[in-house]
């Protein structure tokens, strides 16, 4: 955690196919699905090349998809969307879960924070904090929108022209 906060982590920015990361994350997440849950993800992204740290993107996407599974009920769909814009690549993880209470949303990226409606579920409350810090260290961002009892959308924005870190 200290190395992350002080910016002393060495990242390896390289070009890679987005489909490789998406396929790995979805494959691993399929083992965690509750009864009737499914993950919908784009299959037409074979030509999308990302210039970023591959391990960081995999860590972030895994965290977001695993959270979506954990906080969503059986027989729900987790959706992974990809938008390839001129200036950025946007990844969205959308769930139909418990959502985050409005009053608590300001704290969602705080280390060890757990929303009141999530206290009985397993977790440490550090995943989103770590994900956001890694992304920001690389010039990317993590945002969200959420409605309690309806679901959440987490949005990763990766600028197209990365600075070498």
N, C-alpha and C. Protein backbone atom coordinates (compact mmCIF):
# COMPACT_ATOMS: atom_id res chain seq x y z
N UNK A 1 0.82 -1.19 0.00
CA UNK A 1 0.00 0.00 0.00
C UNK A 1 0.87 1.26 0.00
N UNK A 2 1.98 1.22 0.78
CA UNK A 2 2.87 2.39 0.83
C UNK A 2 3.47 2.70 -0.54
N UNK A 3 3.92 1.64 -1.22
CA UNK A 3 4.52 1.83 -2.54
C UNK A 3 3.49 2.39 -3.52
N UNK A 4 2.25 1.94 -3.41
CA UNK A 4 1.19 2.42 -4.29
C UNK A 4 0.93 3.90 -4.05
N UNK A 5 0.80 4.30 -2.78
CA UNK A 5 0.52 5.69 -2.45
C UNK A 5 1.67 6.62 -2.80
N UNK A 6 2.90 6.15 -2.67
CA UNK A 6 4.05 7.00 -2.93
C UNK A 6 4.43 7.04 -4.41
N UNK A 7 3.72 6.24 -5.22
CA UNK A 7 4.00 6.23 -6.65
C UNK A 7 5.25 5.45 -7.01
N UNK A 8 5.71 4.56 -6.11
CA UNK A 8 6.95 3.83 -6.34
C UNK A 8 6.73 2.48 -7.02
N UNK A 9 5.56 2.24 -7.52
CA UNK A 9 5.31 1.00 -8.25
C UNK A 9 5.77 1.20 -9.69
N UNK A 10 6.48 0.22 -10.21
CA UNK A 10 6.95 0.29 -11.60
C UNK A 10 5.89 -0.37 -12.48
N UNK A 11 5.38 0.41 -13.39
CA UNK A 11 4.38 -0.10 -14.33
C UNK A 11 5.07 -0.43 -15.65
N UNK A 12 4.49 -1.39 -16.35
CA UNK A 12 5.02 -1.76 -17.66
C UNK A 12 3.95 -1.45 -18.72
N UNK A 13 4.03 -0.24 -19.27
CA UNK A 13 3.07 0.17 -20.29
C UNK A 13 3.48 -0.47 -21.61
N UNK A 14 2.53 -1.18 -22.21
CA UNK A 14 2.81 -1.88 -23.47
C UNK A 14 1.52 -1.95 -24.27
N UNK A 15 1.65 -2.33 -25.53
CA UNK A 15 0.48 -2.54 -26.38
C UNK A 15 0.03 -3.99 -26.25
N UNK A 16 -1.27 -4.19 -26.09
CA UNK A 16 -1.83 -5.55 -26.02
C UNK A 16 -3.27 -5.51 -26.49
N UNK A 17 -3.80 -6.68 -26.83
CA UNK A 17 -5.18 -6.79 -27.29
C UNK A 17 -6.13 -6.77 -26.09
N UNK A 18 -7.11 -5.89 -26.13
CA UNK A 18 -8.10 -5.80 -25.06
C UNK A 18 -8.83 -7.12 -24.89
N UNK A 19 -9.10 -7.81 -25.98
CA UNK A 19 -9.86 -9.07 -25.91
C UNK A 19 -9.16 -10.10 -25.03
N UNK A 20 -7.83 -10.08 -24.99
CA UNK A 20 -7.08 -11.03 -24.16
C UNK A 20 -7.44 -10.83 -22.69
N UNK A 21 -7.44 -9.60 -22.23
CA UNK A 21 -7.75 -9.29 -20.83
C UNK A 21 -9.22 -9.58 -20.53
N UNK A 22 -10.11 -9.11 -21.40
CA UNK A 22 -11.55 -9.32 -21.18
C UNK A 22 -11.85 -10.82 -21.11
N UNK A 23 -11.30 -11.60 -22.03
CA UNK A 23 -11.56 -13.04 -22.03
C UNK A 23 -11.03 -13.71 -20.76
N UNK A 24 -9.84 -13.32 -20.30
CA UNK A 24 -9.28 -13.90 -19.07
C UNK A 24 -10.13 -13.56 -17.85
N UNK A 25 -10.53 -12.29 -17.75
CA UNK A 25 -11.32 -11.85 -16.60
C UNK A 25 -12.67 -12.57 -16.58
N UNK A 26 -13.33 -12.64 -17.72
CA UNK A 26 -14.64 -13.29 -17.79
C UNK A 26 -14.51 -14.79 -17.52
N UNK A 27 -13.48 -15.41 -18.07
CA UNK A 27 -13.27 -16.85 -17.85
C UNK A 27 -13.11 -17.14 -16.36
N UNK A 28 -12.26 -16.37 -15.69
CA UNK A 28 -12.03 -16.56 -14.25
C UNK A 28 -13.30 -16.26 -13.44
N UNK A 29 -14.02 -15.23 -13.83
CA UNK A 29 -15.22 -14.81 -13.09
C UNK A 29 -16.36 -15.82 -13.23
N UNK A 30 -16.40 -16.55 -14.33
CA UNK A 30 -17.47 -17.53 -14.54
C UNK A 30 -17.54 -18.56 -13.42
N UNK A 31 -16.41 -18.83 -12.78
CA UNK A 31 -16.38 -19.80 -11.69
C UNK A 31 -17.02 -19.25 -10.41
N UNK A 32 -17.21 -17.94 -10.35
CA UNK A 32 -17.78 -17.30 -9.15
C UNK A 32 -19.27 -17.00 -9.28
N UNK A 33 -19.81 -17.19 -10.46
CA UNK A 33 -21.21 -16.81 -10.70
C UNK A 33 -22.17 -17.55 -9.78
N UNK A 34 -23.17 -16.83 -9.32
CA UNK A 34 -24.25 -17.43 -8.53
C UNK A 34 -25.22 -18.10 -9.50
N UNK A 35 -26.15 -18.88 -8.97
CA UNK A 35 -27.13 -19.58 -9.79
C UNK A 35 -27.88 -18.59 -10.70
N UNK A 36 -27.86 -18.86 -11.98
CA UNK A 36 -28.60 -18.04 -12.94
C UNK A 36 -27.91 -16.75 -13.35
N UNK A 37 -26.81 -16.39 -12.72
CA UNK A 37 -26.09 -15.17 -13.13
C UNK A 37 -25.36 -15.43 -14.46
N UNK A 38 -25.22 -14.36 -15.23
CA UNK A 38 -24.43 -14.47 -16.46
C UNK A 38 -23.70 -13.16 -16.69
N UNK A 39 -22.62 -13.27 -17.44
CA UNK A 39 -21.83 -12.10 -17.81
C UNK A 39 -21.98 -11.90 -19.31
N UNK A 40 -22.42 -10.72 -19.68
CA UNK A 40 -22.53 -10.38 -21.11
C UNK A 40 -21.37 -9.44 -21.42
N UNK A 41 -20.61 -9.76 -22.47
CA UNK A 41 -19.45 -8.95 -22.82
C UNK A 41 -19.30 -8.90 -24.33
N UNK A 42 -18.63 -7.87 -24.83
CA UNK A 42 -18.50 -7.71 -26.29
C UNK A 42 -17.54 -8.75 -26.86
N UNK A 43 -17.90 -9.28 -28.00
CA UNK A 43 -17.04 -10.24 -28.66
C UNK A 43 -16.40 -9.65 -29.91
N UNK A 44 -16.74 -8.41 -30.23
CA UNK A 44 -16.21 -7.76 -31.44
C UNK A 44 -15.08 -6.79 -31.12
N UNK A 45 -14.24 -7.16 -30.15
CA UNK A 45 -13.17 -6.25 -29.73
C UNK A 45 -11.78 -6.81 -30.05
N UNK A 46 -11.73 -7.76 -30.95
CA UNK A 46 -10.44 -8.40 -31.28
C UNK A 46 -9.42 -7.44 -31.87
N UNK A 47 -9.87 -6.34 -32.43
CA UNK A 47 -8.95 -5.39 -33.05
C UNK A 47 -8.56 -4.23 -32.12
N UNK A 48 -9.10 -4.21 -30.91
CA UNK A 48 -8.81 -3.10 -29.99
C UNK A 48 -7.46 -3.33 -29.31
N UNK A 49 -6.51 -2.46 -29.62
CA UNK A 49 -5.20 -2.52 -28.99
C UNK A 49 -5.14 -1.43 -27.92
N UNK A 50 -4.72 -1.82 -26.73
CA UNK A 50 -4.64 -0.90 -25.61
C UNK A 50 -3.17 -0.65 -25.29
N UNK A 51 -2.85 0.61 -25.01
CA UNK A 51 -1.51 0.95 -24.55
C UNK A 51 -1.65 1.31 -23.08
N UNK A 52 -1.26 0.34 -22.23
CA UNK A 52 -1.49 0.49 -20.79
C UNK A 52 -0.70 -0.60 -20.07
N UNK A 53 -0.76 -0.62 -18.75
CA UNK A 53 -0.15 -1.70 -17.99
C UNK A 53 -1.15 -2.85 -17.94
N UNK A 54 -0.77 -3.97 -18.53
CA UNK A 54 -1.68 -5.10 -18.69
C UNK A 54 -2.13 -5.68 -17.34
N UNK A 55 -1.21 -5.84 -16.40
CA UNK A 55 -1.55 -6.41 -15.09
C UNK A 55 -2.51 -5.50 -14.32
N UNK A 56 -2.30 -4.20 -14.44
CA UNK A 56 -3.19 -3.26 -13.76
C UNK A 56 -4.60 -3.35 -14.31
N UNK A 57 -4.72 -3.37 -15.63
CA UNK A 57 -6.07 -3.44 -16.23
C UNK A 57 -6.76 -4.73 -15.84
N UNK A 58 -6.02 -5.83 -15.83
CA UNK A 58 -6.62 -7.11 -15.43
C UNK A 58 -7.05 -7.07 -13.97
N UNK A 59 -6.23 -6.51 -13.09
CA UNK A 59 -6.56 -6.38 -11.67
C UNK A 59 -7.84 -5.56 -11.49
N UNK A 60 -7.91 -4.42 -12.16
CA UNK A 60 -9.06 -3.52 -12.02
C UNK A 60 -10.33 -4.18 -12.54
N UNK A 61 -10.27 -4.73 -13.74
CA UNK A 61 -11.46 -5.36 -14.31
C UNK A 61 -11.91 -6.55 -13.48
N UNK A 62 -10.97 -7.34 -12.98
CA UNK A 62 -11.32 -8.49 -12.13
C UNK A 62 -12.04 -8.01 -10.88
N UNK A 63 -11.51 -6.97 -10.26
CA UNK A 63 -12.12 -6.43 -9.05
C UNK A 63 -13.55 -5.97 -9.32
N UNK A 64 -13.74 -5.23 -10.41
CA UNK A 64 -15.07 -4.70 -10.72
C UNK A 64 -16.06 -5.80 -11.05
N UNK A 65 -15.64 -6.80 -11.82
CA UNK A 65 -16.53 -7.90 -12.19
C UNK A 65 -16.84 -8.76 -10.96
N UNK A 66 -15.83 -9.04 -10.14
CA UNK A 66 -16.07 -9.84 -8.93
C UNK A 66 -17.02 -9.12 -7.98
N UNK A 67 -16.87 -7.80 -7.83
CA UNK A 67 -17.80 -7.03 -7.01
C UNK A 67 -19.22 -7.11 -7.57
N UNK A 68 -19.33 -6.99 -8.89
CA UNK A 68 -20.65 -7.05 -9.52
C UNK A 68 -21.33 -8.39 -9.24
N UNK A 69 -20.55 -9.47 -9.30
CA UNK A 69 -21.10 -10.79 -9.00
C UNK A 69 -21.51 -10.87 -7.53
N UNK A 70 -20.62 -10.43 -6.65
CA UNK A 70 -20.85 -10.55 -5.20
C UNK A 70 -22.08 -9.76 -4.76
N UNK A 71 -22.27 -8.56 -5.31
CA UNK A 71 -23.34 -7.69 -4.83
C UNK A 71 -24.62 -7.77 -5.67
N UNK A 72 -24.66 -8.71 -6.61
CA UNK A 72 -25.85 -8.90 -7.43
C UNK A 72 -26.55 -10.21 -7.04
N UNK A 73 -27.86 -10.26 -7.23
CA UNK A 73 -28.60 -11.47 -6.86
C UNK A 73 -28.47 -12.58 -7.91
N UNK A 74 -28.95 -13.75 -7.55
CA UNK A 74 -29.05 -14.84 -8.52
C UNK A 74 -29.91 -14.39 -9.69
N UNK A 75 -29.75 -15.03 -10.83
CA UNK A 75 -30.55 -14.75 -12.03
C UNK A 75 -30.43 -13.31 -12.51
N UNK A 76 -29.26 -12.72 -12.35
CA UNK A 76 -29.04 -11.36 -12.85
C UNK A 76 -27.92 -11.37 -13.88
N UNK A 77 -27.81 -10.26 -14.60
CA UNK A 77 -26.80 -10.13 -15.64
C UNK A 77 -25.79 -9.05 -15.27
N UNK A 78 -24.52 -9.38 -15.42
CA UNK A 78 -23.45 -8.41 -15.29
C UNK A 78 -23.01 -8.10 -16.71
N UNK A 79 -22.96 -6.83 -17.03
CA UNK A 79 -22.62 -6.45 -18.40
C UNK A 79 -21.30 -5.69 -18.43
N UNK A 80 -20.46 -6.09 -19.38
CA UNK A 80 -19.19 -5.41 -19.61
C UNK A 80 -19.28 -4.76 -20.98
N UNK A 81 -19.22 -3.42 -20.99
CA UNK A 81 -19.31 -2.68 -22.25
C UNK A 81 -17.97 -2.03 -22.56
N UNK A 82 -17.67 -1.90 -23.84
CA UNK A 82 -16.44 -1.24 -24.28
C UNK A 82 -16.81 -0.17 -25.30
N UNK A 83 -16.31 1.05 -25.07
CA UNK A 83 -16.50 2.15 -26.02
C UNK A 83 -15.12 2.61 -26.45
N UNK A 84 -14.84 2.54 -27.74
CA UNK A 84 -13.55 2.93 -28.27
C UNK A 84 -13.70 4.29 -28.94
N UNK A 85 -13.41 5.36 -28.19
CA UNK A 85 -13.54 6.72 -28.69
C UNK A 85 -12.19 7.21 -29.22
N UNK A 86 -12.20 8.35 -29.88
CA UNK A 86 -10.97 8.89 -30.47
C UNK A 86 -9.91 9.19 -29.42
N UNK A 87 -10.34 9.71 -28.27
CA UNK A 87 -9.36 10.14 -27.26
C UNK A 87 -9.22 9.20 -26.07
N UNK A 88 -10.15 8.23 -25.93
CA UNK A 88 -10.07 7.33 -24.78
C UNK A 88 -10.79 6.02 -25.04
N UNK A 89 -10.40 5.04 -24.27
CA UNK A 89 -11.08 3.75 -24.26
C UNK A 89 -11.87 3.70 -22.95
N UNK A 90 -13.15 3.39 -23.03
CA UNK A 90 -14.01 3.34 -21.85
C UNK A 90 -14.52 1.93 -21.65
N UNK A 91 -14.36 1.44 -20.43
CA UNK A 91 -14.87 0.12 -20.05
C UNK A 91 -15.90 0.33 -18.96
N UNK A 92 -17.05 -0.29 -19.10
CA UNK A 92 -18.11 -0.16 -18.09
C UNK A 92 -18.50 -1.54 -17.58
N UNK A 93 -18.60 -1.66 -16.27
CA UNK A 93 -19.11 -2.88 -15.64
C UNK A 93 -20.42 -2.49 -14.97
N UNK A 94 -21.50 -3.09 -15.47
CA UNK A 94 -22.85 -2.73 -15.04
C UNK A 94 -23.50 -3.93 -14.35
N UNK A 95 -24.04 -3.70 -13.15
CA UNK A 95 -24.69 -4.80 -12.45
C UNK A 95 -26.11 -4.43 -12.06
N UNK A 96 -26.84 -5.43 -11.59
CA UNK A 96 -28.23 -5.27 -11.14
C UNK A 96 -28.29 -5.56 -9.64
N UNK A 97 -27.26 -5.12 -8.92
CA UNK A 97 -27.10 -5.49 -7.52
C UNK A 97 -27.74 -4.57 -6.52
N UNK A 98 -27.19 -4.61 -5.30
CA UNK A 98 -27.77 -3.88 -4.17
C UNK A 98 -27.56 -2.37 -4.28
N UNK A 99 -26.62 -1.95 -5.11
CA UNK A 99 -26.35 -0.53 -5.26
C UNK A 99 -25.70 0.05 -4.02
N UNK A 100 -25.35 1.30 -4.09
CA UNK A 100 -24.67 1.99 -3.00
C UNK A 100 -25.59 3.12 -2.53
N UNK A 101 -25.93 3.13 -1.24
CA UNK A 101 -26.79 4.19 -0.73
C UNK A 101 -26.24 5.58 -1.07
N UNK A 102 -27.10 6.49 -1.48
CA UNK A 102 -26.71 7.83 -1.91
C UNK A 102 -25.79 8.53 -0.89
N UNK A 103 -26.14 8.47 0.38
CA UNK A 103 -25.37 9.16 1.42
C UNK A 103 -23.96 8.59 1.59
N UNK A 104 -23.76 7.36 1.15
CA UNK A 104 -22.48 6.70 1.36
C UNK A 104 -21.59 6.72 0.11
N UNK A 105 -22.13 7.19 -1.01
CA UNK A 105 -21.38 7.14 -2.27
C UNK A 105 -20.10 7.97 -2.22
N UNK A 106 -20.08 9.03 -1.43
CA UNK A 106 -18.90 9.88 -1.35
C UNK A 106 -17.70 9.12 -0.78
N UNK A 107 -17.95 8.05 -0.06
CA UNK A 107 -16.88 7.29 0.60
C UNK A 107 -16.47 6.02 -0.14
N UNK A 108 -17.07 5.72 -1.28
CA UNK A 108 -16.90 4.41 -1.91
C UNK A 108 -15.45 4.08 -2.26
N UNK A 109 -14.62 5.10 -2.51
CA UNK A 109 -13.22 4.84 -2.85
C UNK A 109 -12.29 4.97 -1.64
N UNK A 110 -12.86 5.23 -0.45
CA UNK A 110 -12.05 5.31 0.77
C UNK A 110 -11.59 3.91 1.16
N UNK A 111 -10.33 3.82 1.61
CA UNK A 111 -9.80 2.53 2.02
C UNK A 111 -10.58 1.99 3.22
N UNK A 112 -10.90 0.72 3.17
CA UNK A 112 -11.63 -0.04 4.20
C UNK A 112 -13.10 0.35 4.34
N UNK A 113 -13.60 1.21 3.47
CA UNK A 113 -15.02 1.60 3.57
C UNK A 113 -15.90 0.45 3.07
N UNK A 114 -16.96 0.18 3.82
CA UNK A 114 -17.98 -0.77 3.41
C UNK A 114 -19.33 -0.09 3.62
N UNK A 115 -20.13 -0.05 2.58
CA UNK A 115 -21.47 0.54 2.71
C UNK A 115 -22.29 -0.30 3.70
N UNK A 116 -23.22 0.35 4.38
CA UNK A 116 -24.03 -0.34 5.40
C UNK A 116 -24.76 -1.55 4.83
N UNK A 117 -25.21 -1.45 3.58
CA UNK A 117 -25.96 -2.57 3.00
C UNK A 117 -25.04 -3.70 2.53
N UNK A 118 -23.72 -3.56 2.70
CA UNK A 118 -22.77 -4.59 2.28
C UNK A 118 -22.01 -5.19 3.46
N UNK A 119 -22.30 -4.78 4.67
CA UNK A 119 -21.51 -5.19 5.83
C UNK A 119 -21.55 -6.69 6.10
N UNK A 120 -22.62 -7.35 5.74
CA UNK A 120 -22.74 -8.78 6.00
C UNK A 120 -22.08 -9.63 4.92
N UNK A 121 -21.59 -9.00 3.87
CA UNK A 121 -20.92 -9.72 2.78
C UNK A 121 -19.42 -9.70 3.00
N UNK A 122 -18.78 -10.77 2.55
CA UNK A 122 -17.34 -10.88 2.72
C UNK A 122 -16.61 -9.81 1.92
N UNK A 123 -15.55 -9.25 2.50
CA UNK A 123 -14.74 -8.26 1.80
C UNK A 123 -14.00 -7.37 2.78
N UNK A 124 -13.00 -6.66 2.26
CA UNK A 124 -12.16 -5.82 3.12
C UNK A 124 -12.39 -4.34 2.91
N UNK A 125 -12.98 -3.97 1.78
CA UNK A 125 -13.18 -2.56 1.51
C UNK A 125 -11.95 -1.86 0.94
N UNK A 126 -10.98 -2.61 0.42
CA UNK A 126 -9.79 -1.95 -0.16
C UNK A 126 -9.68 -2.10 -1.68
N UNK A 127 -10.49 -2.97 -2.27
CA UNK A 127 -10.37 -3.25 -3.71
C UNK A 127 -10.55 -2.02 -4.58
N UNK A 128 -11.61 -1.25 -4.35
CA UNK A 128 -11.87 -0.07 -5.18
C UNK A 128 -10.83 1.01 -4.95
N UNK A 129 -10.36 1.13 -3.72
CA UNK A 129 -9.31 2.11 -3.41
C UNK A 129 -8.03 1.79 -4.18
N UNK A 130 -7.63 0.53 -4.15
CA UNK A 130 -6.41 0.11 -4.86
C UNK A 130 -6.59 0.27 -6.37
N UNK A 131 -7.73 -0.15 -6.89
CA UNK A 131 -7.99 -0.05 -8.32
C UNK A 131 -7.90 1.40 -8.79
N UNK A 132 -8.54 2.30 -8.05
CA UNK A 132 -8.55 3.70 -8.44
C UNK A 132 -7.14 4.30 -8.39
N UNK A 133 -6.37 3.97 -7.35
CA UNK A 133 -5.01 4.53 -7.24
C UNK A 133 -4.12 4.06 -8.38
N UNK A 134 -4.19 2.77 -8.72
CA UNK A 134 -3.40 2.26 -9.85
C UNK A 134 -3.77 2.99 -11.13
N UNK A 135 -5.06 3.12 -11.38
CA UNK A 135 -5.50 3.79 -12.61
C UNK A 135 -5.02 5.25 -12.65
N UNK A 136 -5.18 5.96 -11.54
CA UNK A 136 -4.76 7.36 -11.51
C UNK A 136 -3.25 7.50 -11.68
N UNK A 137 -2.48 6.57 -11.12
CA UNK A 137 -1.02 6.59 -11.31
C UNK A 137 -0.65 6.49 -12.79
N UNK A 138 -1.52 5.86 -13.57
CA UNK A 138 -1.27 5.67 -15.00
C UNK A 138 -2.03 6.67 -15.88
N UNK A 139 -2.64 7.68 -15.28
CA UNK A 139 -3.33 8.71 -16.04
C UNK A 139 -4.74 8.33 -16.45
N UNK A 140 -5.27 7.24 -15.92
CA UNK A 140 -6.64 6.81 -16.22
C UNK A 140 -7.54 7.18 -15.04
N UNK A 141 -8.82 6.84 -15.13
CA UNK A 141 -9.74 7.19 -14.05
C UNK A 141 -10.76 6.08 -13.81
N UNK A 142 -11.35 6.10 -12.62
CA UNK A 142 -12.41 5.18 -12.24
C UNK A 142 -13.54 6.01 -11.64
N UNK A 143 -14.72 5.89 -12.24
CA UNK A 143 -15.90 6.62 -11.78
C UNK A 143 -17.04 5.62 -11.61
N UNK A 144 -18.14 6.07 -11.04
CA UNK A 144 -19.28 5.17 -10.90
C UNK A 144 -20.58 5.96 -10.78
N UNK A 145 -21.67 5.27 -11.01
CA UNK A 145 -22.99 5.77 -10.67
C UNK A 145 -23.74 4.59 -10.08
N UNK A 146 -24.65 4.87 -9.16
CA UNK A 146 -25.32 3.78 -8.47
C UNK A 146 -26.67 4.24 -7.92
N UNK A 147 -27.62 3.32 -7.94
CA UNK A 147 -28.93 3.56 -7.34
C UNK A 147 -29.20 2.37 -6.42
N UNK A 148 -29.43 2.67 -5.15
CA UNK A 148 -29.66 1.60 -4.18
C UNK A 148 -30.80 0.70 -4.63
N UNK A 149 -30.60 -0.60 -4.50
CA UNK A 149 -31.55 -1.66 -4.89
C UNK A 149 -31.79 -1.76 -6.39
N UNK A 150 -31.01 -1.04 -7.20
CA UNK A 150 -31.15 -1.13 -8.66
C UNK A 150 -29.86 -1.60 -9.32
N UNK A 151 -28.71 -1.15 -8.78
CA UNK A 151 -27.44 -1.57 -9.35
C UNK A 151 -26.45 -0.45 -9.47
N UNK A 152 -25.28 -0.80 -9.98
CA UNK A 152 -24.17 0.14 -10.11
C UNK A 152 -23.51 0.00 -11.47
N UNK A 153 -22.90 1.09 -11.90
CA UNK A 153 -22.08 1.09 -13.12
C UNK A 153 -20.73 1.68 -12.74
N UNK A 154 -19.66 0.91 -12.96
CA UNK A 154 -18.31 1.41 -12.74
C UNK A 154 -17.66 1.63 -14.10
N UNK A 155 -17.02 2.79 -14.26
CA UNK A 155 -16.50 3.24 -15.55
C UNK A 155 -15.01 3.49 -15.45
N UNK A 156 -14.25 2.79 -16.29
CA UNK A 156 -12.80 2.98 -16.40
C UNK A 156 -12.54 3.75 -17.69
N UNK A 157 -11.86 4.87 -17.58
CA UNK A 157 -11.47 5.67 -18.76
C UNK A 157 -9.96 5.64 -18.90
N UNK A 158 -9.50 5.16 -20.05
CA UNK A 158 -8.07 5.09 -20.33
C UNK A 158 -7.77 6.02 -21.50
N UNK A 159 -7.00 7.09 -21.27
CA UNK A 159 -6.66 7.99 -22.37
C UNK A 159 -5.89 7.24 -23.44
N UNK A 160 -6.09 7.63 -24.71
CA UNK A 160 -5.43 6.94 -25.83
C UNK A 160 -3.93 7.17 -25.86
N UNK A 161 -3.49 8.37 -25.55
CA UNK A 161 -2.05 8.64 -25.58
C UNK A 161 -1.52 8.60 -24.17
N UNK A 162 -0.94 7.46 -23.82
CA UNK A 162 -0.41 7.27 -22.47
C UNK A 162 0.97 7.89 -22.33
N UNK A 163 1.21 8.48 -21.17
CA UNK A 163 2.56 8.91 -20.83
C UNK A 163 3.31 7.69 -20.33
N UNK A 164 4.55 7.56 -20.70
CA UNK A 164 5.33 6.44 -20.22
C UNK A 164 5.63 6.65 -18.74
N UNK A 165 5.32 5.63 -17.93
CA UNK A 165 5.52 5.73 -16.48
C UNK A 165 6.66 4.84 -16.08
